[in-house]
Amino acid sequence: MRGQRIRIYFSETDRFEGKRLSDTLIHRAMEHRLKGATLFRGLMGFGSRGMRNASILRLSESLPVVLEIVDAIEPSEAFLKDIIQLAPHVLITREEVEILDLRALVPQT
C-alpha cells in the first residue's frame, strides 16, 4: 500500500494551550484515526533556536523531539492541515513510502 511518512520536528518544551505540544499532536493523530505515531527524543540537535544537547549539566534543557507518523496519504493529509493551524512554527517533512502490513501476509493459526 502506498502511503506517506510525516515527521514533525519541534522542542520538548513547546506548548499548545498550556499542554505539551507532543501530547496534543498525538491526541490529534488519534482523533484523525491515524494508524499510529512514535515520539523520538533527540540527544542533540540544532535548528532555528540554536544548538541543544543532553549534557549532564543541562538535563533540564529543552531537547529536540520528532513525531513520526506513517499512514495512507488521505488521512495523513487531513491531519497535516490541522497541525499547520495548530503549530505553524514546527518543521514538517513528508515522504512517500510503501507500507507493508506483515500481519496480512502471515497465515493466522
PDB file of N, CA and C in Angstrom:
ATOM      1  N   MET A   1       0.848  -1.176   0.000  1.00  0.00           N
ATOM      2  CA  MET A   1       0.000   0.000   0.000  1.00  0.00           C
ATOM      3  C   MET A   1       0.894   1.240   0.000  1.00  0.00           C
ATOM      4  N   ARG A   2       0.537   2.205  -0.828  1.00  0.00           N
ATOM      5  CA  ARG A   2       1.261   3.470  -0.856  1.00  0.00           C
ATOM      6  C   ARG A   2       0.789   4.342   0.306  1.00  0.00           C
ATOM      7  N   GLY A   3       1.720   5.053   0.878  1.00  0.00           N
ATOM      8  CA  GLY A   3       1.386   5.946   1.980  1.00  0.00           C
ATOM      9  C   GLY A   3       2.428   7.022   2.104  1.00  0.00           C
ATOM     10  N   GLN A   4       2.453   7.675   3.253  1.00  0.00           N
ATOM     11  CA  GLN A   4       3.483   8.675   3.488  1.00  0.00           C
ATOM     12  C   GLN A   4       3.930   8.656   4.936  1.00  0.00           C
ATOM     13  N   ARG A   5       5.199   9.046   5.116  1.00  0.00           N
ATOM     14  CA  ARG A   5       5.760   9.203   6.460  1.00  0.00           C
ATOM     15  C   ARG A   5       5.845  10.694   6.711  1.00  0.00           C
ATOM     16  N   ILE A   6       5.275  11.120   7.815  1.00  0.00           N
ATOM     17  CA  ILE A   6       5.314  12.524   8.227  1.00  0.00           C
ATOM     18  C   ILE A   6       6.209  12.602   9.450  1.00  0.00           C
ATOM     19  N   ARG A   7       7.124  13.534   9.425  1.00  0.00           N
ATOM     20  CA  ARG A   7       7.965  13.801  10.593  1.00  0.00           C
ATOM     21  C   ARG A   7       7.762  15.255  10.986  1.00  0.00           C
ATOM     22  N   ILE A   8       7.485  15.455  12.263  1.00  0.00           N
ATOM     23  CA  ILE A   8       7.255  16.801  12.796  1.00  0.00           C
ATOM     24  C   ILE A   8       8.350  17.071  13.823  1.00  0.00           C
ATOM     25  N   TYR A   9       9.149  18.101  13.560  1.00  0.00           N
ATOM     26  CA  TYR A   9      10.288  18.449  14.406  1.00  0.00           C
ATOM     27  C   TYR A   9       9.920  19.658  15.267  1.00  0.00           C
ATOM     28  N   PHE A  10      10.168  19.525  16.570  1.00  0.00           N
ATOM     29  CA  PHE A  10       9.892  20.637  17.483  1.00  0.00           C
ATOM     30  C   PHE A  10      10.680  20.415  18.763  1.00  0.00           C
ATOM     31  N   SER A  11      10.446  21.227  19.772  1.00  0.00           N
ATOM     32  CA  SER A  11      11.162  21.151  21.046  1.00  0.00           C
ATOM     33  C   SER A  11      10.259  20.529  22.106  1.00  0.00           C
ATOM     34  N   GLU A  12      10.864  19.808  23.037  1.00  0.00           N
ATOM     35  CA  GLU A  12      10.046  19.165  24.072  1.00  0.00           C
ATOM     36  C   GLU A  12       9.353  20.163  24.996  1.00  0.00           C
ATOM     37  N   THR A  13       9.788  21.418  25.000  1.00  0.00           N
ATOM     38  CA  THR A  13       9.125  22.427  25.837  1.00  0.00           C
ATOM     39  C   THR A  13       8.038  23.191  25.088  1.00  0.00           C
ATOM     40  N   ASP A  14       7.847  22.930  23.798  1.00  0.00           N
ATOM     41  CA  ASP A  14       6.782  23.604  23.043  1.00  0.00           C
ATOM     42  C   ASP A  14       5.425  23.238  23.626  1.00  0.00           C
ATOM     43  N   ARG A  15       4.548  24.230  23.663  1.00  0.00           N
ATOM     44  CA  ARG A  15       3.226  24.049  24.265  1.00  0.00           C
ATOM     45  C   ARG A  15       2.136  24.527  23.323  1.00  0.00           C
ATOM     46  N   PHE A  16       0.929  23.966  23.535  1.00  0.00           N
ATOM     47  CA  PHE A  16      -0.263  24.445  22.855  1.00  0.00           C
ATOM     48  C   PHE A  16      -1.364  24.512  23.899  1.00  0.00           C
ATOM     49  N   GLU A  17      -1.867  25.712  24.142  1.00  0.00           N
ATOM     50  CA  GLU A  17      -2.909  25.952  25.147  1.00  0.00           C
ATOM     51  C   GLU A  17      -2.543  25.346  26.503  1.00  0.00           C
ATOM     52  N   GLY A  18      -1.283  25.525  26.917  1.00  0.00           N
ATOM     53  CA  GLY A  18      -0.826  25.081  28.229  1.00  0.00           C
ATOM     54  C   GLY A  18      -0.426  23.614  28.320  1.00  0.00           C
ATOM     55  N   LYS A  19      -0.663  22.832  27.299  1.00  0.00           N
ATOM     56  CA  LYS A  19      -0.303  21.409  27.306  1.00  0.00           C
ATOM     57  C   LYS A  19       0.936  21.194  26.442  1.00  0.00           C
ATOM     58  N   ARG A  20       1.667  20.116  26.751  1.00  0.00           N
ATOM     59  CA  ARG A  20       2.823  19.803  25.914  1.00  0.00           C
ATOM     60  C   ARG A  20       2.366  19.584  24.478  1.00  0.00           C
ATOM     61  N   LEU A  21       3.084  20.168  23.529  1.00  0.00           N
ATOM     62  CA  LEU A  21       2.728  20.028  22.129  1.00  0.00           C
ATOM     63  C   LEU A  21       2.750  18.561  21.698  1.00  0.00           C
ATOM     64  N   SER A  22       3.697  17.789  22.217  1.00  0.00           N
ATOM     65  CA  SER A  22       3.766  16.373  21.850  1.00  0.00           C
ATOM     66  C   SER A  22       2.479  15.647  22.224  1.00  0.00           C
ATOM     67  N   ASP A  23       1.938  15.905  23.400  1.00  0.00           N
ATOM     68  CA  ASP A  23       0.678  15.271  23.816  1.00  0.00           C
ATOM     69  C   ASP A  23      -0.466  15.698  22.894  1.00  0.00           C
ATOM     70  N   THR A  24      -0.519  16.984  22.590  1.00  0.00           N
ATOM     71  CA  THR A  24      -1.579  17.498  21.729  1.00  0.00           C
ATOM     72  C   THR A  24      -1.507  16.868  20.344  1.00  0.00           C
ATOM     73  N   LEU A  25      -0.296  16.785  19.776  1.00  0.00           N
ATOM     74  CA  LEU A  25      -0.154  16.215  18.437  1.00  0.00           C
ATOM     75  C   LEU A  25      -0.547  14.738  18.400  1.00  0.00           C
ATOM     76  N   ILE A  26      -0.153  13.987  19.409  1.00  0.00           N
ATOM     77  CA  ILE A  26      -0.503  12.563  19.439  1.00  0.00           C
ATOM     78  C   ILE A  26      -2.006  12.386  19.596  1.00  0.00           C
ATOM     79  N   HIS A  27      -2.631  13.189  20.444  1.00  0.00           N
ATOM     80  CA  HIS A  27      -4.088  13.098  20.583  1.00  0.00           C
ATOM     81  C   HIS A  27      -4.801  13.487  19.284  1.00  0.00           C
ATOM     82  N   ARG A  28      -4.278  14.484  18.583  1.00  0.00           N
ATOM     83  CA  ARG A  28      -4.878  14.860  17.293  1.00  0.00           C
ATOM     84  C   ARG A  28      -4.728  13.732  16.279  1.00  0.00           C
ATOM     85  N   ALA A  29      -3.580  13.064  16.287  1.00  0.00           N
ATOM     86  CA  ALA A  29      -3.380  11.927  15.379  1.00  0.00           C
ATOM     87  C   ALA A  29      -4.401  10.826  15.681  1.00  0.00           C
ATOM     88  N   MET A  30      -4.683  10.595  16.949  1.00  0.00           N
ATOM     89  CA  MET A  30      -5.696   9.603  17.335  1.00  0.00           C
ATOM     90  C   MET A  30      -7.078  10.039  16.881  1.00  0.00           C
ATOM     91  N   GLU A  31      -7.389  11.327  17.041  1.00  0.00           N
ATOM     92  CA  GLU A  31      -8.686  11.847  16.604  1.00  0.00           C
ATOM     93  C   GLU A  31      -8.873  11.685  15.100  1.00  0.00           C
ATOM     94  N   HIS A  32      -7.783  11.783  14.354  1.00  0.00           N
ATOM     95  CA  HIS A  32      -7.831  11.603  12.899  1.00  0.00           C
ATOM     96  C   HIS A  32      -7.791  10.114  12.514  1.00  0.00           C
ATOM     97  N   ARG A  33      -7.757   9.257  13.513  1.00  0.00           N
ATOM     98  CA  ARG A  33      -7.742   7.800  13.325  1.00  0.00           C
ATOM     99  C   ARG A  33      -6.564   7.316  12.480  1.00  0.00           C
ATOM    100  N   LEU A  34      -5.409   7.958  12.700  1.00  0.00           N
ATOM    101  CA  LEU A  34      -4.206   7.513  12.014  1.00  0.00           C
ATOM    102  C   LEU A  34      -3.744   6.188  12.624  1.00  0.00           C
ATOM    103  N   LYS A  35      -2.972   5.436  11.880  1.00  0.00           N
ATOM    104  CA  LYS A  35      -2.568   4.087  12.302  1.00  0.00           C
ATOM    105  C   LYS A  35      -1.715   4.089  13.560  1.00  0.00           C
ATOM    106  N   GLY A  36      -0.889   5.108  13.732  1.00  0.00           N
ATOM    107  CA  GLY A  36      -0.030   5.167  14.907  1.00  0.00           C
ATOM    108  C   GLY A  36       0.949   6.305  14.804  1.00  0.00           C
ATOM    109  N   ALA A  37       1.614   6.599  15.913  1.00  0.00           N
ATOM    110  CA  ALA A  37       2.608   7.667  15.963  1.00  0.00           C
ATOM    111  C   ALA A  37       3.673   7.274  16.970  1.00  0.00           C
ATOM    112  N   THR A  38       4.899   7.696  16.705  1.00  0.00           N
ATOM    113  CA  THR A  38       6.007   7.446  17.618  1.00  0.00           C
ATOM    114  C   THR A  38       6.735   8.758  17.860  1.00  0.00           C
ATOM    115  N   LEU A  39       7.008   9.047  19.129  1.00  0.00           N
ATOM    116  CA  LEU A  39       7.721  10.257  19.502  1.00  0.00           C
ATOM    117  C   LEU A  39       9.157   9.881  19.858  1.00  0.00           C
ATOM    118  N   PHE A  40      10.114  10.515  19.184  1.00  0.00           N
ATOM    119  CA  PHE A  40      11.532  10.294  19.435  1.00  0.00           C
ATOM    120  C   PHE A  40      12.106  11.525  20.117  1.00  0.00           C
ATOM    121  N   ARG A  41      12.902  11.289  21.150  1.00  0.00           N
ATOM    122  CA  ARG A  41      13.568  12.387  21.851  1.00  0.00           C
ATOM    123  C   ARG A  41      15.029  12.395  21.429  1.00  0.00           C
ATOM    124  N   GLY A  42      15.496  13.536  20.957  1.00  0.00           N
ATOM    125  CA  GLY A  42      16.879  13.646  20.481  1.00  0.00           C
ATOM    126  C   GLY A  42      17.848  13.918  21.602  1.00  0.00           C
ATOM    127  N   LEU A  43      19.071  13.437  21.434  1.00  0.00           N
ATOM    128  CA  LEU A  43      20.137  13.719  22.391  1.00  0.00           C
ATOM    129  C   LEU A  43      20.844  15.024  22.069  1.00  0.00           C
ATOM    130  N   MET A  44      20.795  15.392  20.788  1.00  0.00           N
ATOM    131  CA  MET A  44      21.443  16.621  20.355  1.00  0.00           C
ATOM    132  C   MET A  44      20.804  17.064  19.051  1.00  0.00           C
ATOM    133  N   GLY A  45      20.770  18.350  18.840  1.00  0.00           N
ATOM    134  CA  GLY A  45      20.254  18.870  17.587  1.00  0.00           C
ATOM    135  C   GLY A  45      20.457  20.369  17.504  1.00  0.00           C
ATOM    136  N   PHE A  46      20.241  20.911  16.310  1.00  0.00           N
ATOM    137  CA  PHE A  46      20.278  22.351  16.155  1.00  0.00           C
ATOM    138  C   PHE A  46      19.245  22.743  15.117  1.00  0.00           C
ATOM    139  N   GLY A  47      18.823  23.965  15.195  1.00  0.00           N
ATOM    140  CA  GLY A  47      17.830  24.489  14.269  1.00  0.00           C
ATOM    141  C   GLY A  47      17.723  25.982  14.450  1.00  0.00           C
ATOM    142  N   SER A  48      16.549  26.512  14.174  1.00  0.00           N
ATOM    143  CA  SER A  48      16.360  27.967  14.229  1.00  0.00           C
ATOM    144  C   SER A  48      16.561  28.532  15.636  1.00  0.00           C
ATOM    145  N   ARG A  49      16.440  27.684  16.656  1.00  0.00           N
ATOM    146  CA  ARG A  49      16.618  28.151  18.044  1.00  0.00           C
ATOM    147  C   ARG A  49      18.001  27.817  18.600  1.00  0.00           C
ATOM    148  N   GLY A  50      18.927  27.419  17.739  1.00  0.00           N
ATOM    149  CA  GLY A  50      20.299  27.157  18.170  1.00  0.00           C
ATOM    150  C   GLY A  50      20.550  25.694  18.513  1.00  0.00           C
ATOM    151  N   MET A  51      21.709  25.435  19.118  1.00  0.00           N
ATOM    152  CA  MET A  51      22.152  24.085  19.477  1.00  0.00           C
ATOM    153  C   MET A  51      21.505  23.648  20.788  1.00  0.00           C
ATOM    154  N   ARG A  52      21.112  22.375  20.822  1.00  0.00           N
ATOM    155  CA  ARG A  52      20.552  21.784  22.051  1.00  0.00           C
ATOM    156  C   ARG A  52      21.176  20.420  22.218  1.00  0.00           C
ATOM    157  N   ASN A  53      21.577  20.098  23.475  1.00  0.00           N
ATOM    158  CA  ASN A  53      22.123  18.766  23.720  1.00  0.00           C
ATOM    159  C   ASN A  53      21.825  18.324  25.135  1.00  0.00           C
ATOM    160  N   ALA A  54      22.016  17.040  25.391  1.00  0.00           N
ATOM    161  CA  ALA A  54      21.673  16.440  26.686  1.00  0.00           C
ATOM    162  C   ALA A  54      22.924  16.193  27.515  1.00  0.00           C
ATOM    163  N   SER A  55      23.694  17.226  27.790  1.00  0.00           N
ATOM    164  CA  SER A  55      24.868  17.045  28.647  1.00  0.00           C
ATOM    165  C   SER A  55      24.400  16.909  30.093  1.00  0.00           C
ATOM    166  N   ILE A  56      25.254  16.365  30.922  1.00  0.00           N
ATOM    167  CA  ILE A  56      24.913  16.154  32.338  1.00  0.00           C
ATOM    168  C   ILE A  56      24.553  17.472  33.018  1.00  0.00           C
ATOM    169  N   LEU A  57      25.221  18.546  32.632  1.00  0.00           N
ATOM    170  CA  LEU A  57      24.973  19.843  33.258  1.00  0.00           C
ATOM    171  C   LEU A  57      23.684  20.487  32.792  1.00  0.00           C
ATOM    172  N   ARG A  58      23.095  19.984  31.711  1.00  0.00           N
ATOM    173  CA  ARG A  58      21.916  20.627  31.125  1.00  0.00           C
ATOM    174  C   ARG A  58      20.739  19.665  30.984  1.00  0.00           C
ATOM    175  N   LEU A  59      20.550  18.770  31.913  1.00  0.00           N
ATOM    176  CA  LEU A  59      19.484  17.778  31.771  1.00  0.00           C
ATOM    177  C   LEU A  59      18.102  18.399  31.711  1.00  0.00           C
ATOM    178  N   SER A  60      17.927  19.574  32.298  1.00  0.00           N
ATOM    179  CA  SER A  60      16.606  20.199  32.279  1.00  0.00           C
ATOM    180  C   SER A  60      16.373  21.033  31.019  1.00  0.00           C
ATOM    181  N   GLU A  61      17.397  21.174  30.188  1.00  0.00           N
ATOM    182  CA  GLU A  61      17.259  21.986  28.980  1.00  0.00           C
ATOM    183  C   GLU A  61      16.340  21.306  27.976  1.00  0.00           C
ATOM    184  N   SER A  62      15.687  22.082  27.213  1.00  0.00           N
ATOM    185  CA  SER A  62      14.769  21.589  26.190  1.00  0.00           C
ATOM    186  C   SER A  62      15.529  20.841  25.101  1.00  0.00           C
ATOM    187  N   LEU A  63      15.100  19.624  24.808  1.00  0.00           N
ATOM    188  CA  LEU A  63      15.728  18.814  23.769  1.00  0.00           C
ATOM    189  C   LEU A  63      14.828  18.725  22.551  1.00  0.00           C
ATOM    190  N   PRO A  64      15.419  18.420  21.390  1.00  0.00           N
ATOM    191  CA  PRO A  64      14.607  18.266  20.188  1.00  0.00           C
ATOM    192  C   PRO A  64      13.805  16.975  20.238  1.00  0.00           C
ATOM    193  N   VAL A  65      12.624  17.000  19.674  1.00  0.00           N
ATOM    194  CA  VAL A  65      11.804  15.799  19.546  1.00  0.00           C
ATOM    195  C   VAL A  65      11.273  15.712  18.119  1.00  0.00           C
ATOM    196  N   VAL A  66      10.991  14.485  17.700  1.00  0.00           N
ATOM    197  CA  VAL A  66      10.439  14.236  16.375  1.00  0.00           C
ATOM    198  C   VAL A  66       9.252  13.299  16.548  1.00  0.00           C
ATOM    199  N   LEU A  67       8.116  13.689  16.023  1.00  0.00           N
ATOM    200  CA  LEU A  67       6.942  12.823  15.987  1.00  0.00           C
ATOM    201  C   LEU A  67       6.868  12.238  14.587  1.00  0.00           C
ATOM    202  N   GLU A  68       6.838  10.912  14.502  1.00  0.00           N
ATOM    203  CA  GLU A  68       6.791  10.243  13.202  1.00  0.00           C
ATOM    204  C   GLU A  68       5.482   9.478  13.065  1.00  0.00           C
ATOM    205  N   ILE A  69       4.852   9.661  11.913  1.00  0.00           N
ATOM    206  CA  ILE A  69       3.575   9.016  11.615  1.00  0.00           C
ATOM    207  C   ILE A  69       3.666   8.415  10.223  1.00  0.00           C
ATOM    208  N   VAL A  70       3.202   7.175  10.072  1.00  0.00           N
ATOM    209  CA  VAL A  70       3.128   6.546   8.754  1.00  0.00           C
ATOM    210  C   VAL A  70       1.693   6.091   8.556  1.00  0.00           C
ATOM    211  N   ASP A  71       1.090   6.508   7.453  1.00  0.00           N
ATOM    212  CA  ASP A  71      -0.289   6.119   7.157  1.00  0.00           C
ATOM    213  C   ASP A  71      -0.557   6.377   5.677  1.00  0.00           C
ATOM    214  N   ALA A  72      -1.754   6.026   5.266  1.00  0.00           N
ATOM    215  CA  ALA A  72      -2.173   6.313   3.894  1.00  0.00           C
ATOM    216  C   ALA A  72      -2.169   7.825   3.680  1.00  0.00           C
ATOM    217  N   ILE A  73      -2.095   8.240   2.437  1.00  0.00           N
ATOM    218  CA  ILE A  73      -1.944   9.657   2.130  1.00  0.00           C
ATOM    219  C   ILE A  73      -3.164  10.480   2.543  1.00  0.00           C
ATOM    220  N   GLU A  74      -4.345  10.025   2.235  1.00  0.00           N
ATOM    221  CA  GLU A  74      -5.550  10.824   2.501  1.00  0.00           C
ATOM    222  C   GLU A  74      -5.742  11.172   3.979  1.00  0.00           C
ATOM    223  N   PRO A  75      -5.730  10.188   4.905  1.00  0.00           N
ATOM    224  CA  PRO A  75      -5.918  10.570   6.313  1.00  0.00           C
ATOM    225  C   PRO A  75      -4.782  11.415   6.874  1.00  0.00           C
ATOM    226  N   SER A  76      -3.560  11.178   6.410  1.00  0.00           N
ATOM    227  CA  SER A  76      -2.452  11.958   6.944  1.00  0.00           C
ATOM    228  C   SER A  76      -2.468  13.393   6.411  1.00  0.00           C
ATOM    229  N   GLU A  77      -3.003  13.611   5.221  1.00  0.00           N
ATOM    230  CA  GLU A  77      -3.136  14.977   4.699  1.00  0.00           C
ATOM    231  C   GLU A  77      -4.125  15.792   5.526  1.00  0.00           C
ATOM    232  N   ALA A  78      -5.226  15.177   5.937  1.00  0.00           N
ATOM    233  CA  ALA A  78      -6.207  15.869   6.788  1.00  0.00           C
ATOM    234  C   ALA A  78      -5.569  16.240   8.129  1.00  0.00           C
ATOM    235  N   PHE A  79      -4.765  15.343   8.683  1.00  0.00           N
ATOM    236  CA  PHE A  79      -4.052  15.607   9.929  1.00  0.00           C
ATOM    237  C   PHE A  79      -3.089  16.782   9.746  1.00  0.00           C
ATOM    238  N   LEU A  80      -2.365  16.799   8.637  1.00  0.00           N
ATOM    239  CA  LEU A  80      -1.408  17.883   8.376  1.00  0.00           C
ATOM    240  C   LEU A  80      -2.082  19.248   8.341  1.00  0.00           C
ATOM    241  N   LYS A  81      -3.238  19.337   7.716  1.00  0.00           N
ATOM    242  CA  LYS A  81      -3.961  20.612   7.655  1.00  0.00           C
ATOM    243  C   LYS A  81      -4.292  21.106   9.059  1.00  0.00           C
ATOM    244  N   ASP A  82      -4.664  20.193   9.938  1.00  0.00           N
ATOM    245  CA  ASP A  82      -4.969  20.521  11.325  1.00  0.00           C
ATOM    246  C   ASP A  82      -3.709  21.026  12.042  1.00  0.00           C
ATOM    247  N   ILE A  83      -2.585  20.364  11.826  1.00  0.00           N
ATOM    248  CA  ILE A  83      -1.344  20.707  12.518  1.00  0.00           C
ATOM    249  C   ILE A  83      -0.804  22.060  12.061  1.00  0.00           C
ATOM    250  N   ILE A  84      -0.929  22.359  10.799  1.00  0.00           N
ATOM    251  CA  ILE A  84      -0.433  23.641  10.286  1.00  0.00           C
ATOM    252  C   ILE A  84      -1.139  24.797  10.990  1.00  0.00           C
ATOM    253  N   GLN A  85      -2.422  24.639  11.292  1.00  0.00           N
ATOM    254  CA  GLN A  85      -3.167  25.673  12.026  1.00  0.00           C
ATOM    255  C   GLN A  85      -2.771  25.695  13.503  1.00  0.00           C
ATOM    256  N   LEU A  86      -2.499  24.531  14.066  1.00  0.00           N
ATOM    257  CA  LEU A  86      -2.228  24.379  15.492  1.00  0.00           C
ATOM    258  C   LEU A  86      -0.815  24.808  15.877  1.00  0.00           C
ATOM    259  N   ALA A  87       0.163  24.476  15.059  1.00  0.00           N
ATOM    260  CA  ALA A  87       1.568  24.735  15.397  1.00  0.00           C
ATOM    261  C   ALA A  87       2.334  25.177  14.149  1.00  0.00           C
ATOM    262  N   PRO A  88       2.122  26.397  13.698  1.00  0.00           N
ATOM    263  CA  PRO A  88       2.758  26.841  12.448  1.00  0.00           C
ATOM    264  C   PRO A  88       4.278  26.973  12.530  1.00  0.00           C
ATOM    265  N   HIS A  89       4.855  26.910  13.732  1.00  0.00           N
ATOM    266  CA  HIS A  89       6.302  27.091  13.906  1.00  0.00           C
ATOM    267  C   HIS A  89       7.095  25.799  13.730  1.00  0.00           C
ATOM    268  N   VAL A  90       6.446  24.646  13.673  1.00  0.00           N
ATOM    269  CA  VAL A  90       7.173  23.379  13.594  1.00  0.00           C
ATOM    270  C   VAL A  90       7.701  23.149  12.182  1.00  0.00           C
ATOM    271  N   LEU A  91       8.693  22.283  12.080  1.00  0.00           N
ATOM    272  CA  LEU A  91       9.215  21.859  10.778  1.00  0.00           C
ATOM    273  C   LEU A  91       8.592  20.502  10.461  1.00  0.00           C
ATOM    274  N   ILE A  92       8.031  20.365   9.274  1.00  0.00           N
ATOM    275  CA  ILE A  92       7.372  19.123   8.874  1.00  0.00           C
ATOM    276  C   ILE A  92       8.000  18.619   7.581  1.00  0.00           C
ATOM    277  N   THR A  93       8.311  17.333   7.560  1.00  0.00           N
ATOM    278  CA  THR A  93       8.736  16.698   6.306  1.00  0.00           C
ATOM    279  C   THR A  93       7.766  15.560   6.021  1.00  0.00           C
ATOM    280  N   ARG A  94       7.657  15.227   4.735  1.00  0.00           N
ATOM    281  CA  ARG A  94       6.835  14.071   4.375  1.00  0.00           C
ATOM    282  C   ARG A  94       7.479  13.381   3.179  1.00  0.00           C
ATOM    283  N   GLU A  95       7.380  12.071   3.218  1.00  0.00           N
ATOM    284  CA  GLU A  95       7.970  11.246   2.176  1.00  0.00           C
ATOM    285  C   GLU A  95       6.975  10.177   1.775  1.00  0.00           C
ATOM    286  N   GLU A  96       6.937   9.875   0.497  1.00  0.00           N
ATOM    287  CA  GLU A  96       6.100   8.773   0.042  1.00  0.00           C
ATOM    288  C   GLU A  96       6.795   7.467   0.423  1.00  0.00           C
ATOM    289  N   VAL A  97       6.018   6.515   0.938  1.00  0.00           N
ATOM    290  CA  VAL A  97       6.562   5.228   1.379  1.00  0.00           C
ATOM    291  C   VAL A  97       5.668   4.090   0.909  1.00  0.00           C
ATOM    292  N   GLU A  98       6.231   2.912   0.907  1.00  0.00           N
ATOM    293  CA  GLU A  98       5.468   1.685   0.669  1.00  0.00           C
ATOM    294  C   GLU A  98       5.225   1.059   2.036  1.00  0.00           C
ATOM    295  N   ILE A  99       3.957   0.878   2.400  1.00  0.00           N
ATOM    296  CA  ILE A  99       3.608   0.322   3.705  1.00  0.00           C
ATOM    297  C   ILE A  99       3.357  -1.174   3.552  1.00  0.00           C
ATOM    298  N   LEU A 100       4.083  -1.960   4.341  1.00  0.00           N
ATOM    299  CA  LEU A 100       3.909  -3.407   4.327  1.00  0.00           C
ATOM    300  C   LEU A 100       3.296  -3.832   5.657  1.00  0.00           C
ATOM    301  N   ASP A 101       2.084  -4.334   5.618  1.00  0.00           N
ATOM    302  CA  ASP A 101       1.442  -4.837   6.827  1.00  0.00           C
ATOM    303  C   ASP A 101       1.695  -6.327   6.862  1.00  0.00           C
ATOM    304  N   LEU A 102       2.719  -6.727   7.598  1.00  0.00           N
ATOM    305  CA  LEU A 102       3.131  -8.128   7.629  1.00  0.00           C
ATOM    306  C   LEU A 102       2.083  -9.041   8.246  1.00  0.00           C
ATOM    307  N   ARG A 103       1.214  -8.482   9.083  1.00  0.00           N
ATOM    308  CA  ARG A 103       0.149  -9.313   9.662  1.00  0.00           C
ATOM    309  C   ARG A 103      -0.759  -9.874   8.569  1.00  0.00           C
ATOM    310  N   ALA A 104      -0.929  -9.124   7.491  1.00  0.00           N
ATOM    311  CA  ALA A 104      -1.761  -9.589   6.396  1.00  0.00           C
ATOM    312  C   ALA A 104      -1.090 -10.701   5.601  1.00  0.00           C
ATOM    313  N   LEU A 105       0.228 -10.821   5.697  1.00  0.00           N
ATOM    314  CA  LEU A 105       0.974 -11.828   4.935  1.00  0.00           C
ATOM    315  C   LEU A 105       1.179 -13.131   5.692  1.00  0.00           C
ATOM    316  N   VAL A 106       1.053 -13.083   7.023  1.00  0.00           N
ATOM    317  CA  VAL A 106       1.294 -14.273   7.851  1.00  0.00           C
ATOM    318  C   VAL A 106      -0.013 -15.016   8.049  1.00  0.00           C
ATOM    319  N   PRO A 107      -0.020 -16.324   7.764  1.00  0.00           N
ATOM    320  CA  PRO A 107      -1.252 -17.105   7.973  1.00  0.00           C
ATOM    321  C   PRO A 107      -1.638 -17.130   9.451  1.00  0.00           C
ATOM    322  N   GLN A 108      -2.923 -16.945   9.713  1.00  0.00           N
ATOM    323  CA  GLN A 108      -3.434 -16.976  11.087  1.00  0.00           C
ATOM    324  C   GLN A 108      -3.647 -18.412  11.519  1.00  0.00           C
ATOM    325  N   THR A 109      -3.233 -18.728  12.738  1.00  0.00           N
ATOM    326  CA  THR A 109      -3.402 -20.103  13.254  1.00  0.00           C
ATOM    327  C   THR A 109      -4.449 -20.157  14.321  1.00  0.00           C
TER     328      THR A 109
END
